[in-house]
Structure formats: structure tokens, C-alpha cells
């Protein structure tokens, strides 16, 4: 499966627009997003692409796959 190459703000936009997450709060350089199902996602704020382990962790928190994100990227 191809590597997911995405910047944090782009991933945040996909989660908010297509998967019903909303910004709950920000603590330092991390934004905390919540959805109606009780999923909490923590996204770091920086201008670099997310490392593979970080993006994998975020997708696990949201119970999504790479394919779910790639189709809206």
C-alpha cells in the first residue's frame, strides 16, 4: 500500500469536511478534534508532511484507513 503523504492541516480539513470531526480545542502546537462517535484525534501543527507513524496513529484514533483519506485528498 502506498505511503500517505499529507500535511497536518490538509488532514485536518479532510477530517472536518468529510468525517464530521470538529475542533474541540488547541493545546500548544496540537489541535484536538472530536466527532459524534466519541473519537478523539490529536493533530500536530507544523508545516512539514506527517511522518508515516504519526499519520498511522491519527488514522487509528479516527478508525479510518489510508484509502479513506486518499480519496478526498
PDB file of N, CA and C in Angstrom:
ATOM      1  N   UNK A   1       0.856  -1.176   0.000  1.00  0.00           N
ATOM      2  CA  UNK A   1       0.000   0.000   0.000  1.00  0.00           C
ATOM      3  C   UNK A   1       0.900   1.237   0.000  1.00  0.00           C
ATOM      4  N   UNK A   2       0.556   2.259  -0.789  1.00  0.00           N
ATOM      5  CA  UNK A   2       1.398   3.455  -0.848  1.00  0.00           C
ATOM      6  C   UNK A   2       1.384   4.231   0.467  1.00  0.00           C
ATOM      7  N   UNK A   3       2.460   4.959   0.665  1.00  0.00           N
ATOM      8  CA  UNK A   3       2.615   5.781   1.860  1.00  0.00           C
ATOM      9  C   UNK A   3       1.674   6.979   1.763  1.00  0.00           C
ATOM     10  N   UNK A   4       1.089   7.368   2.871  1.00  0.00           N
ATOM     11  CA  UNK A   4       0.215   8.542   2.908  1.00  0.00           C
ATOM     12  C   UNK A   4       1.078   9.769   3.132  1.00  0.00           C
ATOM     13  N   UNK A   5       1.173  10.625   2.123  1.00  0.00           N
ATOM     14  CA  UNK A   5       1.963  11.853   2.205  1.00  0.00           C
ATOM     15  C   UNK A   5       0.986  13.007   2.307  1.00  0.00           C
ATOM     16  N   UNK A   6       0.912  13.618   3.492  1.00  0.00           N
ATOM     17  CA  UNK A   6      -0.059  14.685   3.713  1.00  0.00           C
ATOM     18  C   UNK A   6       0.433  15.592   4.827  1.00  0.00           C
ATOM     19  N   UNK A   7       0.117  16.868   4.704  1.00  0.00           N
ATOM     20  CA  UNK A   7       0.451  17.827   5.762  1.00  0.00           C
ATOM     21  C   UNK A   7      -0.677  17.838   6.793  1.00  0.00           C
ATOM     22  N   UNK A   8      -0.343  18.208   8.026  1.00  0.00           N
ATOM     23  CA  UNK A   8      -1.350  18.159   9.097  1.00  0.00           C
ATOM     24  C   UNK A   8      -2.613  18.963   8.824  1.00  0.00           C
ATOM     25  N   UNK A   9      -2.484  20.168   8.297  1.00  0.00           N
ATOM     26  CA  UNK A   9      -3.680  20.980   8.061  1.00  0.00           C
ATOM     27  C   UNK A   9      -4.567  20.392   6.966  1.00  0.00           C
ATOM     28  N   UNK A  10      -3.952  19.761   5.964  1.00  0.00           N
ATOM     29  CA  UNK A  10      -4.737  19.106   4.914  1.00  0.00           C
ATOM     30  C   UNK A  10      -5.503  17.917   5.487  1.00  0.00           C
ATOM     31  N   UNK A  11      -4.862  17.156   6.362  1.00  0.00           N
ATOM     32  CA  UNK A  11      -5.539  16.032   7.012  1.00  0.00           C
ATOM     33  C   UNK A  11      -6.676  16.532   7.895  1.00  0.00           C
ATOM     34  N   UNK A  12      -6.432  17.614   8.606  1.00  0.00           N
ATOM     35  CA  UNK A  12      -7.472  18.201   9.458  1.00  0.00           C
ATOM     36  C   UNK A  12      -8.685  18.615   8.629  1.00  0.00           C
ATOM     37  N   UNK A  13      -8.447  19.236   7.477  1.00  0.00           N
ATOM     38  CA  UNK A  13      -9.546  19.664   6.610  1.00  0.00           C
ATOM     39  C   UNK A  13     -10.371  18.473   6.122  1.00  0.00           C
ATOM     40  N   UNK A  14      -9.711  17.381   5.756  1.00  0.00           N
ATOM     41  CA  UNK A  14     -10.431  16.182   5.306  1.00  0.00           C
ATOM     42  C   UNK A  14     -11.283  15.625   6.436  1.00  0.00           C
ATOM     43  N   UNK A  15     -10.713  15.541   7.632  1.00  0.00           N
ATOM     44  CA  UNK A  15     -11.464  15.002   8.764  1.00  0.00           C
ATOM     45  C   UNK A  15     -12.682  15.861   9.095  1.00  0.00           C
ATOM     46  N   UNK A  16     -12.522  17.168   9.042  1.00  0.00           N
ATOM     47  CA  UNK A  16     -13.626  18.071   9.371  1.00  0.00           C
ATOM     48  C   UNK A  16     -14.700  18.051   8.277  1.00  0.00           C
ATOM     49  N   UNK A  17     -14.269  18.137   7.032  1.00  0.00           N
ATOM     50  CA  UNK A  17     -15.223  18.259   5.935  1.00  0.00           C
ATOM     51  C   UNK A  17     -15.955  16.956   5.612  1.00  0.00           C
ATOM     52  N   UNK A  18     -15.256  15.831   5.672  1.00  0.00           N
ATOM     53  CA  UNK A  18     -15.840  14.581   5.188  1.00  0.00           C
ATOM     54  C   UNK A  18     -16.167  13.562   6.277  1.00  0.00           C
ATOM     55  N   UNK A  19     -15.630  13.731   7.470  1.00  0.00           N
ATOM     56  CA  UNK A  19     -15.846  12.725   8.509  1.00  0.00           C
ATOM     57  C   UNK A  19     -16.427  13.307   9.797  1.00  0.00           C
ATOM     58  N   UNK A  20     -17.021  14.475   9.706  1.00  0.00           N
ATOM     59  CA  UNK A  20     -17.780  15.092  10.799  1.00  0.00           C
ATOM     60  C   UNK A  20     -16.997  15.320  12.095  1.00  0.00           C
ATOM     61  N   UNK A  21     -15.712  15.585  11.981  1.00  0.00           N
ATOM     62  CA  UNK A  21     -14.934  15.989  13.149  1.00  0.00           C
ATOM     63  C   UNK A  21     -15.071  17.488  13.316  1.00  0.00           C
ATOM     64  N   UNK A  22     -14.876  17.974  14.524  1.00  0.00           N
ATOM     65  CA  UNK A  22     -14.869  19.411  14.778  1.00  0.00           C
ATOM     66  C   UNK A  22     -13.738  19.727  15.752  1.00  0.00           C
ATOM     67  N   UNK A  23     -13.243  20.952  15.674  1.00  0.00           N
ATOM     68  CA  UNK A  23     -12.156  21.382  16.548  1.00  0.00           C
ATOM     69  C   UNK A  23     -12.713  21.572  17.949  1.00  0.00           C
ATOM     70  N   UNK A  24     -12.227  20.792  18.890  1.00  0.00           N
ATOM     71  CA  UNK A  24     -12.655  20.908  20.273  1.00  0.00           C
ATOM     72  C   UNK A  24     -11.823  21.971  20.978  1.00  0.00           C
ATOM     73  N   UNK A  25     -10.501  21.830  20.909  1.00  0.00           N
ATOM     74  CA  UNK A  25      -9.620  22.841  21.488  1.00  0.00           C
ATOM     75  C   UNK A  25      -8.210  22.648  20.964  1.00  0.00           C
ATOM     76  N   UNK A  26      -7.368  23.604  21.289  1.00  0.00           N
ATOM     77  CA  UNK A  26      -5.968  23.555  20.904  1.00  0.00           C
ATOM     78  C   UNK A  26      -5.133  23.705  22.162  1.00  0.00           C
ATOM     79  N   UNK A  27      -4.117  22.873  22.283  1.00  0.00           N
ATOM     80  CA  UNK A  27      -3.233  22.956  23.432  1.00  0.00           C
ATOM     81  C   UNK A  27      -1.810  23.032  22.892  1.00  0.00           C
ATOM     82  N   UNK A  28      -1.223  24.204  22.985  1.00  0.00           N
ATOM     83  CA  UNK A  28       0.117  24.393  22.438  1.00  0.00           C
ATOM     84  C   UNK A  28       0.105  24.231  20.932  1.00  0.00           C
ATOM     85  N   UNK A  29       0.935  23.314  20.438  1.00  0.00           N
ATOM     86  CA  UNK A  29       1.030  23.105  18.991  1.00  0.00           C
ATOM     87  C   UNK A  29       0.252  21.876  18.537  1.00  0.00           C
ATOM     88  N   UNK A  30      -0.787  21.507  19.265  1.00  0.00           N
ATOM     89  CA  UNK A  30      -1.616  20.355  18.902  1.00  0.00           C
ATOM     90  C   UNK A  30      -3.091  20.740  18.926  1.00  0.00           C
ATOM     91  N   UNK A  31      -3.810  20.315  17.883  1.00  0.00           N
ATOM     92  CA  UNK A  31      -5.252  20.531  17.828  1.00  0.00           C
ATOM     93  C   UNK A  31      -5.955  19.228  18.146  1.00  0.00           C
ATOM     94  N   UNK A  32      -6.990  19.313  18.947  1.00  0.00           N
ATOM     95  CA  UNK A  32      -7.753  18.141  19.342  1.00  0.00           C
ATOM     96  C   UNK A  32      -9.108  18.210  18.646  1.00  0.00           C
ATOM     97  N   UNK A  33      -9.389  17.195  17.826  1.00  0.00           N
ATOM     98  CA  UNK A  33     -10.641  17.110  17.082  1.00  0.00           C
ATOM     99  C   UNK A  33     -11.493  16.003  17.672  1.00  0.00           C
ATOM    100  N   UNK A  34     -12.800  16.218  17.689  1.00  0.00           N
ATOM    101  CA  UNK A  34     -13.746  15.219  18.176  1.00  0.00           C
ATOM    102  C   UNK A  34     -14.816  14.986  17.122  1.00  0.00           C
ATOM    103  N   UNK A  35     -15.413  13.799  17.165  1.00  0.00           N
ATOM    104  CA  UNK A  35     -16.585  13.547  16.331  1.00  0.00           C
ATOM    105  C   UNK A  35     -17.723  13.089  17.230  1.00  0.00           C
ATOM    106  N   UNK A  36     -18.887  12.862  16.662  1.00  0.00           N
ATOM    107  CA  UNK A  36     -20.062  12.489  17.434  1.00  0.00           C
ATOM    108  C   UNK A  36     -20.017  11.084  18.003  1.00  0.00           C
ATOM    109  N   UNK A  37     -19.093  10.249  17.527  1.00  0.00           N
ATOM    110  CA  UNK A  37     -18.996   8.861  17.978  1.00  0.00           C
ATOM    111  C   UNK A  37     -18.048   8.696  19.163  1.00  0.00           C
ATOM    112  N   UNK A  38     -17.450   9.783  19.617  1.00  0.00           N
ATOM    113  CA  UNK A  38     -16.532   9.706  20.745  1.00  0.00           C
ATOM    114  C   UNK A  38     -15.076   9.531  20.366  1.00  0.00           C
ATOM    115  N   UNK A  39     -14.748   9.640  19.084  1.00  0.00           N
ATOM    116  CA  UNK A  39     -13.361   9.533  18.662  1.00  0.00           C
ATOM    117  C   UNK A  39     -12.645  10.857  18.898  1.00  0.00           C
ATOM    118  N   UNK A  40     -11.454  10.798  19.444  1.00  0.00           N
ATOM    119  CA  UNK A  40     -10.631  11.984  19.645  1.00  0.00           C
ATOM    120  C   UNK A  40      -9.359  11.820  18.826  1.00  0.00           C
ATOM    121  N   UNK A  41      -9.019  12.856  18.056  1.00  0.00           N
ATOM    122  CA  UNK A  41      -7.839  12.837  17.207  1.00  0.00           C
ATOM    123  C   UNK A  41      -6.971  14.026  17.577  1.00  0.00           C
ATOM    124  N   UNK A  42      -5.677  13.783  17.757  1.00  0.00           N
ATOM    125  CA  UNK A  42      -4.722  14.838  18.076  1.00  0.00           C
ATOM    126  C   UNK A  42      -3.845  15.059  16.852  1.00  0.00           C
ATOM    127  N   UNK A  43      -3.844  16.299  16.332  1.00  0.00           N
ATOM    128  CA  UNK A  43      -3.065  16.627  15.139  1.00  0.00           C
ATOM    129  C   UNK A  43      -2.025  17.679  15.495  1.00  0.00           C
ATOM    130  N   UNK A  44      -0.742  17.398  15.227  1.00  0.00           N
ATOM    131  CA  UNK A  44       0.308  18.388  15.494  1.00  0.00           C
ATOM    132  C   UNK A  44       0.237  19.512  14.461  1.00  0.00           C
ATOM    133  N   UNK A  45       0.606  20.703  14.866  1.00  0.00           N
ATOM    134  CA  UNK A  45       0.604  21.845  13.954  1.00  0.00           C
ATOM    135  C   UNK A  45       2.030  22.168  13.529  1.00  0.00           C
ATOM    136  N   UNK A  46       2.360  21.847  12.291  1.00  0.00           N
ATOM    137  CA  UNK A  46       3.622  22.250  11.686  1.00  0.00           C
ATOM    138  C   UNK A  46       3.428  22.203  10.180  1.00  0.00           C
ATOM    139  N   UNK A  47       4.393  22.727   9.454  1.00  0.00           N
ATOM    140  CA  UNK A  47       4.237  22.850   8.006  1.00  0.00           C
ATOM    141  C   UNK A  47       4.911  21.710   7.244  1.00  0.00           C
ATOM    142  N   UNK A  48       5.415  20.712   7.947  1.00  0.00           N
ATOM    143  CA  UNK A  48       6.055  19.574   7.287  1.00  0.00           C
ATOM    144  C   UNK A  48       5.025  18.459   7.081  1.00  0.00           C
ATOM    145  N   UNK A  49       5.351  17.542   6.190  1.00  0.00           N
ATOM    146  CA  UNK A  49       4.482  16.378   5.999  1.00  0.00           C
ATOM    147  C   UNK A  49       4.556  15.502   7.240  1.00  0.00           C
ATOM    148  N   UNK A  50       3.453  14.841   7.538  1.00  0.00           N
ATOM    149  CA  UNK A  50       3.414  13.950   8.689  1.00  0.00           C
ATOM    150  C   UNK A  50       4.274  12.719   8.427  1.00  0.00           C
ATOM    151  N   UNK A  51       4.960  12.263   9.451  1.00  0.00           N
ATOM    152  CA  UNK A  51       5.707  11.020   9.333  1.00  0.00           C
ATOM    153  C   UNK A  51       4.710   9.874   9.270  1.00  0.00           C
ATOM    154  N   UNK A  52       5.149   8.752   8.713  1.00  0.00           N
ATOM    155  CA  UNK A  52       4.241   7.633   8.489  1.00  0.00           C
ATOM    156  C   UNK A  52       3.636   7.113   9.792  1.00  0.00           C
ATOM    157  N   UNK A  53       4.425   7.033  10.842  1.00  0.00           N
ATOM    158  CA  UNK A  53       3.914   6.552  12.129  1.00  0.00           C
ATOM    159  C   UNK A  53       2.897   7.498  12.728  1.00  0.00           C
ATOM    160  N   UNK A  54       3.114   8.793  12.568  1.00  0.00           N
ATOM    161  CA  UNK A  54       2.179   9.789  13.095  1.00  0.00           C
ATOM    162  C   UNK A  54       0.857   9.740  12.346  1.00  0.00           C
ATOM    163  N   UNK A  55       0.916   9.682  11.029  1.00  0.00           N
ATOM    164  CA  UNK A  55      -0.330   9.617  10.251  1.00  0.00           C
ATOM    165  C   UNK A  55      -1.066   8.310  10.542  1.00  0.00           C
ATOM    166  N   UNK A  56      -0.329   7.220  10.720  1.00  0.00           N
ATOM    167  CA  UNK A  56      -0.951   5.934  11.051  1.00  0.00           C
ATOM    168  C   UNK A  56      -1.657   6.009  12.408  1.00  0.00           C
ATOM    169  N   UNK A  57      -1.035   6.661  13.374  1.00  0.00           N
ATOM    170  CA  UNK A  57      -1.624   6.813  14.701  1.00  0.00           C
ATOM    171  C   UNK A  57      -2.896   7.659  14.645  1.00  0.00           C
ATOM    172  N   UNK A  58      -2.868   8.737  13.878  1.00  0.00           N
ATOM    173  CA  UNK A  58      -4.039   9.606  13.742  1.00  0.00           C
ATOM    174  C   UNK A  58      -5.194   8.830  13.101  1.00  0.00           C
ATOM    175  N   UNK A  59      -4.892   8.055  12.066  1.00  0.00           N
ATOM    176  CA  UNK A  59      -5.941   7.273  11.402  1.00  0.00           C
ATOM    177  C   UNK A  59      -6.498   6.197  12.322  1.00  0.00           C
ATOM    178  N   UNK A  60      -5.650   5.598  13.160  1.00  0.00           N
ATOM    179  CA  UNK A  60      -6.139   4.621  14.138  1.00  0.00           C
ATOM    180  C   UNK A  60      -7.075   5.276  15.140  1.00  0.00           C
ATOM    181  N   UNK A  61      -6.731   6.481  15.591  1.00  0.00           N
ATOM    182  CA  UNK A  61      -7.582   7.204  16.536  1.00  0.00           C
ATOM    183  C   UNK A  61      -8.951   7.474  15.923  1.00  0.00           C
ATOM    184  N   UNK A  62      -8.970   7.792  14.629  1.00  0.00           N
ATOM    185  CA  UNK A  62     -10.222   8.120  13.940  1.00  0.00           C
ATOM    186  C   UNK A  62     -10.930   6.883  13.388  1.00  0.00           C
ATOM    187  N   UNK A  63     -10.300   5.719  13.506  1.00  0.00           N
ATOM    188  CA  UNK A  63     -10.807   4.468  12.942  1.00  0.00           C
ATOM    189  C   UNK A  63     -11.050   4.592  11.440  1.00  0.00           C
ATOM    190  N   UNK A  64     -10.039   5.144  10.740  1.00  0.00           N
ATOM    191  CA  UNK A  64     -10.073   5.303   9.289  1.00  0.00           C
ATOM    192  C   UNK A  64      -8.869   4.597   8.678  1.00  0.00           C
ATOM    193  N   UNK A  65      -8.884   4.450   7.354  1.00  0.00           N
ATOM    194  CA  UNK A  65      -7.756   3.858   6.636  1.00  0.00           C
ATOM    195  C   UNK A  65      -7.115   4.922   5.743  1.00  0.00           C
ATOM    196  N   UNK A  66      -5.957   4.569   5.186  1.00  0.00           N
ATOM    197  CA  UNK A  66      -5.289   5.479   4.252  1.00  0.00           C
ATOM    198  C   UNK A  66      -6.182   5.767   3.052  1.00  0.00           C
ATOM    199  N   UNK A  67      -6.869   4.746   2.574  1.00  0.00           N
ATOM    200  CA  UNK A  67      -7.740   4.905   1.409  1.00  0.00           C
ATOM    201  C   UNK A  67      -8.873   5.898   1.675  1.00  0.00           C
ATOM    202  N   UNK A  68      -9.379   5.927   2.914  1.00  0.00           N
ATOM    203  CA  UNK A  68     -10.428   6.885   3.272  1.00  0.00           C
ATOM    204  C   UNK A  68      -9.941   8.320   3.103  1.00  0.00           C
ATOM    205  N   UNK A  69      -8.688   8.569   3.403  1.00  0.00           N
ATOM    206  CA  UNK A  69      -8.121   9.921   3.305  1.00  0.00           C
ATOM    207  C   UNK A  69      -7.712  10.234   1.882  1.00  0.00           C
ATOM    208  N   UNK A  70      -7.084   9.262   1.215  1.00  0.00           N
ATOM    209  CA  UNK A  70      -6.578   9.494  -0.145  1.00  0.00           C
ATOM    210  C   UNK A  70      -7.688   9.889  -1.118  1.00  0.00           C
ATOM    211  N   UNK A  71      -8.886   9.318  -0.968  1.00  0.00           N
ATOM    212  CA  UNK A  71      -9.950   9.635  -1.929  1.00  0.00           C
ATOM    213  C   UNK A  71     -10.439  11.082  -1.804  1.00  0.00           C
ATOM    214  N   UNK A  72     -10.174  11.762  -0.692  1.00  0.00           N
ATOM    215  CA  UNK A  72     -10.581  13.165  -0.535  1.00  0.00           C
ATOM    216  C   UNK A  72      -9.415  14.134  -0.574  1.00  0.00           C
ATOM    217  N   UNK A  73      -8.221  13.634  -0.675  1.00  0.00           N
ATOM    218  CA  UNK A  73      -7.020  14.478  -0.628  1.00  0.00           C
ATOM    219  C   UNK A  73      -6.882  15.345  -1.842  1.00  0.00           C
TER     220      UNK A  73
END
